[in-house]
PDB file of all heavy atoms in Angstrom:
ATOM      1  N   LEU A   1      92.274 131.466 155.399  1.00  0.00           N
ATOM      2  CA  LEU A   1      93.472 130.626 155.473  1.00  0.00           C
ATOM      3  C   LEU A   1      93.125 129.160 155.239  1.00  0.00           C
ATOM      4  O   LEU A   1      93.763 128.473 154.425  1.00  0.00           O
ATOM      5  CB  LEU A   1      94.146 130.810 156.837  1.00  0.00           C
ATOM      6  CG  LEU A   1      95.290 129.836 157.159  1.00  0.00           C
ATOM      7  CD1 LEU A   1      96.444 130.027 156.192  1.00  0.00           C
ATOM      8  CD2 LEU A   1      95.750 130.014 158.600  1.00  0.00           C
ATOM      9  N   THR A   2      92.114 128.670 155.931  1.00  0.00           N
ATOM     10  CA  THR A   2      91.735 127.257 155.791  1.00  0.00           C
ATOM     11  C   THR A   2      91.137 126.977 154.417  1.00  0.00           C
ATOM     12  O   THR A   2      91.340 125.889 153.866  1.00  0.00           O
ATOM     13  CB  THR A   2      90.744 126.882 156.892  1.00  0.00           C
ATOM     14  OG1 THR A   2      89.657 127.837 156.916  1.00  0.00           O
ATOM     15  CG2 THR A   2      91.421 126.886 158.253  1.00  0.00           C
ATOM     16  N   ILE A   3      90.406 127.917 153.857  1.00  0.00           N
ATOM     17  CA  ILE A   3      89.844 127.726 152.512  1.00  0.00           C
ATOM     18  C   ILE A   3      90.964 127.626 151.483  1.00  0.00           C
ATOM     19  O   ILE A   3      90.938 126.773 150.594  1.00  0.00           O
ATOM     20  CB  ILE A   3      88.884 128.877 152.170  1.00  0.00           C
ATOM     21  CG1 ILE A   3      87.636 128.811 153.059  1.00  0.00           C
ATOM     22  CG2 ILE A   3      88.483 128.835 150.694  1.00  0.00           C
ATOM     23  CD1 ILE A   3      86.704 129.991 152.895  1.00  0.00           C
ATOM     24  N   MET A   4      91.978 128.498 151.610  1.00  0.00           N
ATOM     25  CA  MET A   4      93.092 128.468 150.665  1.00  0.00           C
ATOM     26  C   MET A   4      93.840 127.138 150.728  1.00  0.00           C
ATOM     27  O   MET A   4      94.196 126.552 149.695  1.00  0.00           O
ATOM     28  CB  MET A   4      94.048 129.623 150.962  1.00  0.00           C
ATOM     29  CG  MET A   4      95.201 129.779 149.958  1.00  0.00           C
ATOM     30  SD  MET A   4      96.578 128.600 150.170  1.00  0.00           S
ATOM     31  CE  MET A   4      97.073 128.960 151.854  1.00  0.00           C
ATOM     32  N   VAL A   5      94.070 126.628 151.933  1.00  0.00           N
ATOM     33  CA  VAL A   5      94.792 125.370 152.086  1.00  0.00           C
ATOM     34  C   VAL A   5      94.029 124.228 151.428  1.00  0.00           C
ATOM     35  O   VAL A   5      94.624 123.353 150.777  1.00  0.00           O
ATOM     36  CB  VAL A   5      95.045 125.086 153.582  1.00  0.00           C
ATOM     37  CG1 VAL A   5      95.611 123.687 153.777  1.00  0.00           C
ATOM     38  CG2 VAL A   5      95.993 126.120 154.166  1.00  0.00           C
ATOM     39  N   LEU A   6      92.710 124.231 151.544  1.00  0.00           N
ATOM     40  CA  LEU A   6      91.897 123.190 150.919  1.00  0.00           C
ATOM     41  C   LEU A   6      91.920 123.297 149.404  1.00  0.00           C
ATOM     42  O   LEU A   6      92.124 122.300 148.698  1.00  0.00           O
ATOM     43  CB  LEU A   6      90.460 123.278 151.435  1.00  0.00           C
ATOM     44  CG  LEU A   6      89.459 122.300 150.795  1.00  0.00           C
ATOM     45  CD1 LEU A   6      89.868 120.857 151.073  1.00  0.00           C
ATOM     46  CD2 LEU A   6      88.052 122.568 151.284  1.00  0.00           C
ATOM     47  N   VAL A   7      91.729 124.498 148.873  1.00  0.00           N
ATOM     48  CA  VAL A   7      91.688 124.689 147.422  1.00  0.00           C
ATOM     49  C   VAL A   7      93.038 124.365 146.787  1.00  0.00           C
ATOM     50  O   VAL A   7      93.110 123.751 145.721  1.00  0.00           O
ATOM     51  CB  VAL A   7      91.261 126.132 147.097  1.00  0.00           C
ATOM     52  CG1 VAL A   7      91.384 126.417 145.601  1.00  0.00           C
ATOM     53  CG2 VAL A   7      89.818 126.370 147.553  1.00  0.00           C
ATOM     54  N   ALA A   8      94.134 124.768 147.442  1.00  0.00           N
ATOM     55  CA  ALA A   8      95.466 124.553 146.868  1.00  0.00           C
ATOM     56  C   ALA A   8      95.808 123.081 146.737  1.00  0.00           C
ATOM     57  O   ALA A   8      96.600 122.694 145.873  1.00  0.00           O
ATOM     58  CB  ALA A   8      96.518 125.267 147.726  1.00  0.00           C
ATOM     59  N   GLN A   9      95.211 122.225 147.581  1.00  0.00           N
ATOM     60  CA  GLN A   9      95.547 120.793 147.551  1.00  0.00           C
ATOM     61  C   GLN A   9      94.479 119.946 146.886  1.00  0.00           C
ATOM     62  O   GLN A   9      94.607 118.717 146.831  1.00  0.00           O
ATOM     63  CB  GLN A   9      95.759 120.281 148.983  1.00  0.00           C
ATOM     64  CG  GLN A   9      96.891 120.957 149.715  1.00  0.00           C
ATOM     65  CD  GLN A   9      97.133 120.305 151.060  1.00  0.00           C
ATOM     66  OE1 GLN A   9      97.799 119.295 151.173  1.00  0.00           O
ATOM     67  NE2 GLN A   9      96.576 120.903 152.093  1.00  0.00           N
ATOM     68  N   PHE A  10      93.442 120.565 146.361  1.00  0.00           N
ATOM     69  CA  PHE A  10      92.315 119.795 145.822  1.00  0.00           C
ATOM     70  C   PHE A  10      92.755 118.877 144.693  1.00  0.00           C
ATOM     71  O   PHE A  10      92.271 117.747 144.572  1.00  0.00           O
ATOM     72  CB  PHE A  10      91.224 120.759 145.338  1.00  0.00           C
ATOM     73  CG  PHE A  10      89.986 120.061 144.842  1.00  0.00           C
ATOM     74  CD1 PHE A  10      89.062 119.560 145.733  1.00  0.00           C
ATOM     75  CD2 PHE A  10      89.753 119.898 143.486  1.00  0.00           C
ATOM     76  CE1 PHE A  10      87.926 118.902 145.291  1.00  0.00           C
ATOM     77  CE2 PHE A  10      88.631 119.257 143.022  1.00  0.00           C
ATOM     78  CZ  PHE A  10      87.705 118.754 143.929  1.00  0.00           C
ATOM     79  N   ALA A  11      93.673 119.340 143.829  1.00  0.00           N
ATOM     80  CA  ALA A  11      94.097 118.542 142.672  1.00  0.00           C
ATOM     81  C   ALA A  11      95.147 117.493 143.029  1.00  0.00           C
ATOM     82  O   ALA A  11      95.464 116.642 142.191  1.00  0.00           O
ATOM     83  CB  ALA A  11      94.644 119.466 141.583  1.00  0.00           C
ATOM     84  N   TYR A  12      95.664 117.511 144.259  1.00  0.00           N
ATOM     85  CA  TYR A  12      96.755 116.614 144.621  1.00  0.00           C
ATOM     86  C   TYR A  12      96.343 115.563 145.646  1.00  0.00           C
ATOM     87  O   TYR A  12      97.129 114.674 145.942  1.00  0.00           O
ATOM     88  CB  TYR A  12      97.935 117.419 145.181  1.00  0.00           C
ATOM     89  CG  TYR A  12      98.449 118.471 144.233  1.00  0.00           C
ATOM     90  CD1 TYR A  12      98.030 119.795 144.329  1.00  0.00           C
ATOM     91  CD2 TYR A  12      99.340 118.136 143.214  1.00  0.00           C
ATOM     92  CE1 TYR A  12      98.489 120.759 143.450  1.00  0.00           C
ATOM     93  CE2 TYR A  12      99.795 119.095 142.340  1.00  0.00           C
ATOM     94  CZ  TYR A  12      99.366 120.409 142.462  1.00  0.00           C
ATOM     95  OH  TYR A  12      99.823 121.362 141.583  1.00  0.00           O
ATOM     96  N   MET A  13      95.138 115.667 146.174  1.00  0.00           N
ATOM     97  CA  MET A  13      94.701 114.743 147.206  1.00  0.00           C
ATOM     98  C   MET A  13      93.528 113.897 146.722  1.00  0.00           C
ATOM     99  O   MET A  13      92.740 114.339 145.878  1.00  0.00           O
ATOM    100  CB  MET A  13      94.283 115.528 148.465  1.00  0.00           C
ATOM    101  CG  MET A  13      95.455 116.152 149.202  1.00  0.00           C
ATOM    102  SD  MET A  13      96.564 114.885 149.882  1.00  0.00           S
ATOM    103  CE  MET A  13      97.989 115.886 150.316  1.00  0.00           C
ATOM    104  N   PRO A  14      93.377 112.671 147.250  1.00  0.00           N
ATOM    105  CA  PRO A  14      92.204 111.855 146.908  1.00  0.00           C
ATOM    106  C   PRO A  14      90.906 112.549 147.298  1.00  0.00           C
ATOM    107  O   PRO A  14      90.879 113.374 148.218  1.00  0.00           O
ATOM    108  CB  PRO A  14      92.436 110.569 147.727  1.00  0.00           C
ATOM    109  CG  PRO A  14      93.897 110.533 147.996  1.00  0.00           C
ATOM    110  CD  PRO A  14      94.336 111.962 148.109  1.00  0.00           C
ATOM    111  N   ALA A  15      89.847 112.197 146.609  1.00  0.00           N
ATOM    112  CA  ALA A  15      88.573 112.894 146.802  1.00  0.00           C
ATOM    113  C   ALA A  15      88.049 112.747 148.222  1.00  0.00           C
ATOM    114  O   ALA A  15      87.523 113.703 148.809  1.00  0.00           O
ATOM    115  CB  ALA A  15      87.542 112.369 145.796  1.00  0.00           C
ATOM    116  N   TRP A  16      88.203 111.542 148.823  1.00  0.00           N
ATOM    117  CA  TRP A  16      87.659 111.338 150.161  1.00  0.00           C
ATOM    118  C   TRP A  16      88.430 112.098 151.232  1.00  0.00           C
ATOM    119  O   TRP A  16      87.870 112.496 152.243  1.00  0.00           O
ATOM    120  CB  TRP A  16      87.607 109.853 150.495  1.00  0.00           C
ATOM    121  CG  TRP A  16      88.814 109.078 150.087  1.00  0.00           C
ATOM    122  CD1 TRP A  16      89.982 108.940 150.777  1.00  0.00           C
ATOM    123  CD2 TRP A  16      88.981 108.353 148.869  1.00  0.00           C
ATOM    124  NE1 TRP A  16      90.875 108.166 150.079  1.00  0.00           N
ATOM    125  CE2 TRP A  16      90.285 107.777 148.906  1.00  0.00           C
ATOM    126  CE3 TRP A  16      88.171 108.107 147.762  1.00  0.00           C
ATOM    127  CZ2 TRP A  16      90.780 107.000 147.861  1.00  0.00           C
ATOM    128  CZ3 TRP A  16      88.670 107.329 146.729  1.00  0.00           C
ATOM    129  CH2 TRP A  16      89.952 106.787 146.789  1.00  0.00           C
ATOM    130  N   VAL A  17      89.729 112.321 151.001  1.00  0.00           N
ATOM    131  CA  VAL A  17      90.503 113.137 151.942  1.00  0.00           C
ATOM    132  C   VAL A  17      90.051 114.590 151.855  1.00  0.00           C
ATOM    133  O   VAL A  17      89.859 115.262 152.875  1.00  0.00           O
ATOM    134  CB  VAL A  17      92.012 113.006 151.664  1.00  0.00           C
ATOM    135  CG1 VAL A  17      92.806 113.938 152.568  1.00  0.00           C
ATOM    136  CG2 VAL A  17      92.472 111.566 151.858  1.00  0.00           C
ATOM    137  N   SER A  18      89.867 115.093 150.621  1.00  0.00           N
ATOM    138  CA  SER A  18      89.363 116.459 150.453  1.00  0.00           C
ATOM    139  C   SER A  18      87.974 116.611 151.046  1.00  0.00           C
ATOM    140  O   SER A  18      87.620 117.668 151.582  1.00  0.00           O
ATOM    141  CB  SER A  18      89.354 116.833 148.970  1.00  0.00           C
ATOM    142  OG  SER A  18      90.658 116.797 148.420  1.00  0.00           O
ATOM    143  N   LEU A  19      87.167 115.548 150.965  1.00  0.00           N
ATOM    144  CA  LEU A  19      85.799 115.613 151.501  1.00  0.00           C
ATOM    145  C   LEU A  19      85.795 115.760 153.013  1.00  0.00           C
ATOM    146  O   LEU A  19      85.047 116.577 153.560  1.00  0.00           O
ATOM    147  CB  LEU A  19      85.022 114.366 151.083  1.00  0.00           C
ATOM    148  CG  LEU A  19      83.574 114.288 151.585  1.00  0.00           C
ATOM    149  CD1 LEU A  19      82.763 115.464 151.064  1.00  0.00           C
ATOM    150  CD2 LEU A  19      82.940 112.967 151.172  1.00  0.00           C
ATOM    151  N   ILE A  20      86.631 114.995 153.705  1.00  0.00           N
ATOM    152  CA  ILE A  20      86.671 115.116 155.163  1.00  0.00           C
ATOM    153  C   ILE A  20      87.219 116.471 155.578  1.00  0.00           C
ATOM    154  O   ILE A  20      86.796 117.049 156.583  1.00  0.00           O
ATOM    155  CB  ILE A  20      87.495 113.958 155.791  1.00  0.00           C
ATOM    156  CG1 ILE A  20      87.312 113.940 157.306  1.00  0.00           C
ATOM    157  CG2 ILE A  20      88.960 114.072 155.432  1.00  0.00           C
ATOM    158  CD1 ILE A  20      85.920 113.626 157.751  1.00  0.00           C
ATOM    159  N   TRP A  21      88.171 117.008 154.787  1.00  0.00           N
ATOM    160  CA  TRP A  21      88.651 118.359 155.070  1.00  0.00           C
ATOM    161  C   TRP A  21      87.545 119.389 154.864  1.00  0.00           C
ATOM    162  O   TRP A  21      87.450 120.359 155.606  1.00  0.00           O
ATOM    163  CB  TRP A  21      89.839 118.692 154.162  1.00  0.00           C
ATOM    164  CG  TRP A  21      91.090 117.994 154.543  1.00  0.00           C
ATOM    165  CD1 TRP A  21      91.332 117.302 155.695  1.00  0.00           C
ATOM    166  CD2 TRP A  21      92.289 117.904 153.770  1.00  0.00           C
ATOM    167  NE1 TRP A  21      92.596 116.786 155.691  1.00  0.00           N
ATOM    168  CE2 TRP A  21      93.215 117.133 154.534  1.00  0.00           C
ATOM    169  CE3 TRP A  21      92.670 118.387 152.532  1.00  0.00           C
ATOM    170  CZ2 TRP A  21      94.497 116.855 154.065  1.00  0.00           C
ATOM    171  CZ3 TRP A  21      93.949 118.111 152.064  1.00  0.00           C
ATOM    172  CH2 TRP A  21      94.843 117.344 152.825  1.00  0.00           C
ATOM    173  N   LEU A  22      86.718 119.189 153.842  1.00  0.00           N
ATOM    174  CA  LEU A  22      85.600 120.109 153.605  1.00  0.00           C
ATOM    175  C   LEU A  22      84.626 120.087 154.778  1.00  0.00           C
ATOM    176  O   LEU A  22      84.110 121.132 155.186  1.00  0.00           O
ATOM    177  CB  LEU A  22      84.885 119.728 152.311  1.00  0.00           C
ATOM    178  CG  LEU A  22      83.668 120.577 151.929  1.00  0.00           C
ATOM    179  CD1 LEU A  22      84.065 122.034 151.752  1.00  0.00           C
ATOM    180  CD2 LEU A  22      83.016 120.044 150.655  1.00  0.00           C
ATOM    181  N   ILE A  23      84.385 118.898 155.333  1.00  0.00           N
ATOM    182  CA  ILE A  23      83.513 118.808 156.506  1.00  0.00           C
ATOM    183  C   ILE A  23      84.121 119.555 157.686  1.00  0.00           C
ATOM    184  O   ILE A  23      83.423 120.303 158.396  1.00  0.00           O
ATOM    185  CB  ILE A  23      83.271 117.327 156.863  1.00  0.00           C
ATOM    186  CG1 ILE A  23      82.494 116.638 155.740  1.00  0.00           C
ATOM    187  CG2 ILE A  23      82.525 117.211 158.183  1.00  0.00           C
ATOM    188  CD1 ILE A  23      82.326 115.147 155.951  1.00  0.00           C
ATOM    189  N   MET A  24      85.412 119.402 157.887  1.00  0.00           N
ATOM    190  CA  MET A  24      86.076 120.117 158.973  1.00  0.00           C
ATOM    191  C   MET A  24      86.037 121.619 158.729  1.00  0.00           C
ATOM    192  O   MET A  24      85.871 122.411 159.677  1.00  0.00           O
ATOM    193  CB  MET A  24      87.519 119.637 159.108  1.00  0.00           C
ATOM    194  CG  MET A  24      87.657 118.154 159.437  1.00  0.00           C
ATOM    195  SD  MET A  24      89.366 117.554 159.519  1.00  0.00           S
ATOM    196  CE  MET A  24      89.846 118.176 161.136  1.00  0.00           C
ATOM    197  N   LEU A  25      86.157 122.034 157.466  1.00  0.00           N
ATOM    198  CA  LEU A  25      86.073 123.461 157.142  1.00  0.00           C
ATOM    199  C   LEU A  25      84.681 124.004 157.426  1.00  0.00           C
ATOM    200  O   LEU A  25      84.533 125.125 157.933  1.00  0.00           O
ATOM    201  CB  LEU A  25      86.448 123.669 155.671  1.00  0.00           C
ATOM    202  CG  LEU A  25      86.359 125.106 155.136  1.00  0.00           C
ATOM    203  CD1 LEU A  25      87.276 126.029 155.923  1.00  0.00           C
ATOM    204  CD2 LEU A  25      86.719 125.144 153.650  1.00  0.00           C
ATOM    205  N   LEU A  26      83.651 123.226 157.114  1.00  0.00           N
ATOM    206  CA  LEU A  26      82.283 123.659 157.408  1.00  0.00           C
ATOM    207  C   LEU A  26      82.066 123.809 158.912  1.00  0.00           C
ATOM    208  O   LEU A  26      81.328 124.699 159.347  1.00  0.00           O
ATOM    209  CB  LEU A  26      81.281 122.670 156.819  1.00  0.00           C
ATOM    210  CG  LEU A  26      81.227 122.611 155.280  1.00  0.00           C
ATOM    211  CD1 LEU A  26      80.246 121.545 154.823  1.00  0.00           C
ATOM    212  CD2 LEU A  26      80.853 123.971 154.699  1.00  0.00           C
ATOM    213  N   VAL A  27      82.706 122.960 159.689  1.00  0.00           N
ATOM    214  CA  VAL A  27      82.612 123.099 161.150  1.00  0.00           C
ATOM    215  C   VAL A  27      83.272 124.402 161.597  1.00  0.00           C
ATOM    216  O   VAL A  27      82.757 125.102 162.484  1.00  0.00           O
ATOM    217  CB  VAL A  27      83.264 121.885 161.837  1.00  0.00           C
ATOM    218  CG1 VAL A  27      83.289 122.086 163.352  1.00  0.00           C
ATOM    219  CG2 VAL A  27      82.506 120.608 161.493  1.00  0.00           C
ATOM    220  N   ILE A  28      84.400 124.741 160.996  1.00  0.00           N
ATOM    221  CA  ILE A  28      85.070 126.005 161.324  1.00  0.00           C
ATOM    222  C   ILE A  28      84.169 127.187 160.971  1.00  0.00           C
ATOM    223  O   ILE A  28      84.038 128.148 161.749  1.00  0.00           O
ATOM    224  CB  ILE A  28      86.416 126.098 160.581  1.00  0.00           C
ATOM    225  CG1 ILE A  28      87.360 124.991 161.046  1.00  0.00           C
ATOM    226  CG2 ILE A  28      87.061 127.466 160.800  1.00  0.00           C
ATOM    227  CD1 ILE A  28      88.651 124.911 160.253  1.00  0.00           C
ATOM    228  N   VAL A  29      83.531 127.136 159.800  1.00  0.00           N
ATOM    229  CA  VAL A  29      82.608 128.209 159.397  1.00  0.00           C
ATOM    230  C   VAL A  29      81.426 128.287 160.362  1.00  0.00           C
ATOM    231  O   VAL A  29      81.001 129.386 160.764  1.00  0.00           O
ATOM    232  CB  VAL A  29      82.126 127.972 157.954  1.00  0.00           C
ATOM    233  CG1 VAL A  29      81.062 128.996 157.570  1.00  0.00           C
ATOM    234  CG2 VAL A  29      83.299 128.034 156.977  1.00  0.00           C
ATOM    235  N   TRP A  30      80.891 127.142 160.750  1.00  0.00           N
ATOM    236  CA  TRP A  30      79.768 127.130 161.697  1.00  0.00           C
ATOM    237  C   TRP A  30      80.169 127.748 163.033  1.00  0.00           C
ATOM    238  O   TRP A  30      79.393 128.479 163.643  1.00  0.00           O
ATOM    239  CB  TRP A  30      79.304 125.689 161.895  1.00  0.00           C
ATOM    240  CG  TRP A  30      78.196 125.556 162.900  1.00  0.00           C
ATOM    241  CD1 TRP A  30      76.869 125.757 162.697  1.00  0.00           C
ATOM    242  CD2 TRP A  30      78.341 125.205 164.287  1.00  0.00           C
ATOM    243  NE1 TRP A  30      76.176 125.551 163.863  1.00  0.00           N
ATOM    244  CE2 TRP A  30      77.043 125.213 164.851  1.00  0.00           C
ATOM    245  CE3 TRP A  30      79.433 124.877 165.094  1.00  0.00           C
ATOM    246  CZ2 TRP A  30      76.815 124.898 166.186  1.00  0.00           C
ATOM    247  CZ3 TRP A  30      79.209 124.572 166.427  1.00  0.00           C
ATOM    248  CH2 TRP A  30      77.916 124.584 166.954  1.00  0.00           C
ATOM    249  N   ARG A  31      81.380 127.464 163.470  1.00  0.00           N
ATOM    250  CA  ARG A  31      81.853 128.047 164.728  1.00  0.00           C
ATOM    251  C   ARG A  31      81.906 129.563 164.639  1.00  0.00           C
ATOM    252  O   ARG A  31      81.594 130.264 165.603  1.00  0.00           O
ATOM    253  CB  ARG A  31      83.247 127.510 165.069  1.00  0.00           C
ATOM    254  CG  ARG A  31      83.258 126.133 165.673  1.00  0.00           C
ATOM    255  CD  ARG A  31      84.468 125.965 166.563  1.00  0.00           C
ATOM    256  NE  ARG A  31      84.448 126.897 167.685  1.00  0.00           N
ATOM    257  CZ  ARG A  31      85.482 127.131 168.485  1.00  0.00           C
ATOM    258  NH1 ARG A  31      86.626 126.510 168.270  1.00  0.00           N
ATOM    259  NH2 ARG A  31      85.386 127.990 169.470  1.00  0.00           N
ATOM    260  N   TYR A  32      82.317 130.093 163.497  1.00  0.00           N
ATOM    261  CA  TYR A  32      82.446 131.546 163.378  1.00  0.00           C
ATOM    262  C   TYR A  32      81.076 132.222 163.372  1.00  0.00           C
ATOM    263  O   TYR A  32      80.861 133.221 164.069  1.00  0.00           O
ATOM    264  CB  TYR A  32      83.199 131.905 162.104  1.00  0.00           C
ATOM    265  CG  TYR A  32      83.204 133.396 161.828  1.00  0.00           C
ATOM    266  CD1 TYR A  32      84.013 134.252 162.580  1.00  0.00           C
ATOM    267  CD2 TYR A  32      82.372 133.955 160.867  1.00  0.00           C
ATOM    268  CE1 TYR A  32      84.002 135.613 162.353  1.00  0.00           C
ATOM    269  CE2 TYR A  32      82.363 135.316 160.637  1.00  0.00           C
ATOM    270  CZ  TYR A  32      83.180 136.141 161.382  1.00  0.00           C
ATOM    271  OH  TYR A  32      83.161 137.492 161.164  1.00  0.00           O
ATOM    272  N   PHE A  33      80.135 131.696 162.595  1.00  0.00           N
ATOM    273  CA  PHE A  33      78.857 132.385 162.422  1.00  0.00           C
ATOM    274  C   PHE A  33      77.860 132.097 163.537  1.00  0.00           C
ATOM    275  O   PHE A  33      77.011 132.938 163.835  1.00  0.00           O
ATOM    276  CB  PHE A  33      78.235 131.993 161.083  1.00  0.00           C
ATOM    277  CG  PHE A  33      78.912 132.644 159.900  1.00  0.00           C
ATOM    278  CD1 PHE A  33      79.783 131.934 159.113  1.00  0.00           C
ATOM    279  CD2 PHE A  33      78.668 133.978 159.598  1.00  0.00           C
ATOM    280  CE1 PHE A  33      80.410 132.533 158.031  1.00  0.00           C
ATOM    281  CE2 PHE A  33      79.286 134.588 158.511  1.00  0.00           C
ATOM    282  CZ  PHE A  33      80.160 133.862 157.736  1.00  0.00           C
ATOM    283  N   TYR A  34      77.942 130.919 164.150  1.00  0.00           N
ATOM    284  CA  TYR A  34      76.882 130.546 165.086  1.00  0.00           C
ATOM    285  C   TYR A  34      77.367 130.195 166.482  1.00  0.00           C
ATOM    286  O   TYR A  34      76.618 130.327 167.441  1.00  0.00           O
ATOM    287  CB  TYR A  34      76.095 129.342 164.535  1.00  0.00           C
ATOM    288  CG  TYR A  34      75.444 129.629 163.213  1.00  0.00           C
ATOM    289  CD1 TYR A  34      75.974 129.121 162.043  1.00  0.00           C
ATOM    290  CD2 TYR A  34      74.313 130.430 163.144  1.00  0.00           C
ATOM    291  CE1 TYR A  34      75.376 129.393 160.815  1.00  0.00           C
ATOM    292  CE2 TYR A  34      73.699 130.708 161.930  1.00  0.00           C
ATOM    293  CZ  TYR A  34      74.244 130.191 160.769  1.00  0.00           C
ATOM    294  OH  TYR A  34      73.665 130.464 159.561  1.00  0.00           O
ATOM    295  N   ALA A  35      78.591 129.722 166.631  1.00  0.00           N
ATOM    296  CA  ALA A  35      79.012 129.255 167.954  1.00  0.00           C
ATOM    297  C   ALA A  35      80.478 129.548 168.198  1.00  0.00           C
ATOM    298  O   ALA A  35      81.237 128.680 168.631  1.00  0.00           O
ATOM    299  CB  ALA A  35      78.734 127.760 168.092  1.00  0.00           C
ATOM    300  N   ALA A  36      80.892 130.778 167.924  1.00  0.00           N
ATOM    301  CA  ALA A  36      82.313 131.115 168.058  1.00  0.00           C
ATOM    302  C   ALA A  36      82.788 131.010 169.501  1.00  0.00           C
ATOM    303  O   ALA A  36      83.969 130.773 169.752  1.00  0.00           O
ATOM    304  CB  ALA A  36      82.558 132.523 167.526  1.00  0.00           C
ATOM    305  N   LEU A  37      81.865 131.192 170.470  1.00  0.00           N
ATOM    306  CA  LEU A  37      82.270 131.174 171.874  1.00  0.00           C
ATOM    307  C   LEU A  37      81.994 129.837 172.542  1.00  0.00           C
ATOM    308  O   LEU A  37      82.260 129.679 173.729  1.00  0.00           O
ATOM    309  CB  LEU A  37      81.548 132.296 172.636  1.00  0.00           C
ATOM    310  CG  LEU A  37      81.831 133.717 172.126  1.00  0.00           C
ATOM    311  CD1 LEU A  37      81.029 134.730 172.937  1.00  0.00           C
ATOM    312  CD2 LEU A  37      83.304 134.041 172.193  1.00  0.00           C
ATOM    313  N   LYS A  38      81.433 128.880 171.791  1.00  0.00           N
ATOM    314  CA  LYS A  38      81.102 127.582 172.368  1.00  0.00           C
ATOM    315  C   LYS A  38      82.105 126.530 171.901  1.00  0.00           C
ATOM    316  O   LYS A  38      82.366 126.413 170.707  1.00  0.00           O
ATOM    317  CB  LYS A  38      79.693 127.164 171.966  1.00  0.00           C
ATOM    318  CG  LYS A  38      78.607 128.114 172.458  1.00  0.00           C
ATOM    319  CD  LYS A  38      77.241 127.646 172.002  1.00  0.00           C
ATOM    320  CE  LYS A  38      76.155 128.607 172.460  1.00  0.00           C
ATOM    321  NZ  LYS A  38      74.817 128.168 171.992  1.00  0.00           N
ATOM    322  N   PRO A  39      82.656 125.763 172.808  1.00  0.00           N
ATOM    323  CA  PRO A  39      83.604 124.729 172.392  1.00  0.00           C
ATOM    324  C   PRO A  39      82.907 123.580 171.680  1.00  0.00           C
ATOM    325  O   PRO A  39      81.758 123.252 171.958  1.00  0.00           O
ATOM    326  CB  PRO A  39      84.227 124.280 173.717  1.00  0.00           C
ATOM    327  CG  PRO A  39      83.182 124.579 174.741  1.00  0.00           C
ATOM    328  CD  PRO A  39      82.480 125.828 174.277  1.00  0.00           C
ATOM    329  N   ILE A  40      83.616 122.959 170.754  1.00  0.00           N
ATOM    330  CA  ILE A  40      83.109 121.806 170.043  1.00  0.00           C
ATOM    331  C   ILE A  40      83.284 120.562 170.908  1.00  0.00           C
ATOM    332  O   ILE A  40      84.262 120.436 171.651  1.00  0.00           O
ATOM    333  CB  ILE A  40      83.844 121.636 168.701  1.00  0.00           C
ATOM    334  CG1 ILE A  40      83.594 122.855 167.811  1.00  0.00           C
ATOM    335  CG2 ILE A  40      83.411 120.376 167.976  1.00  0.00           C
ATOM    336  CD1 ILE A  40      82.157 123.029 167.380  1.00  0.00           C
TER     337      ILE A  40
END
């Protein structure tokens, strides 16, 4: 879901906004694979 939202808006948003969203997406991925039960 989060990957789709990022990809769908990539062509409509400034690069730095997409970049911060990518960082937030990587945090979501990290939570799933390594720390799903630990709060950020």
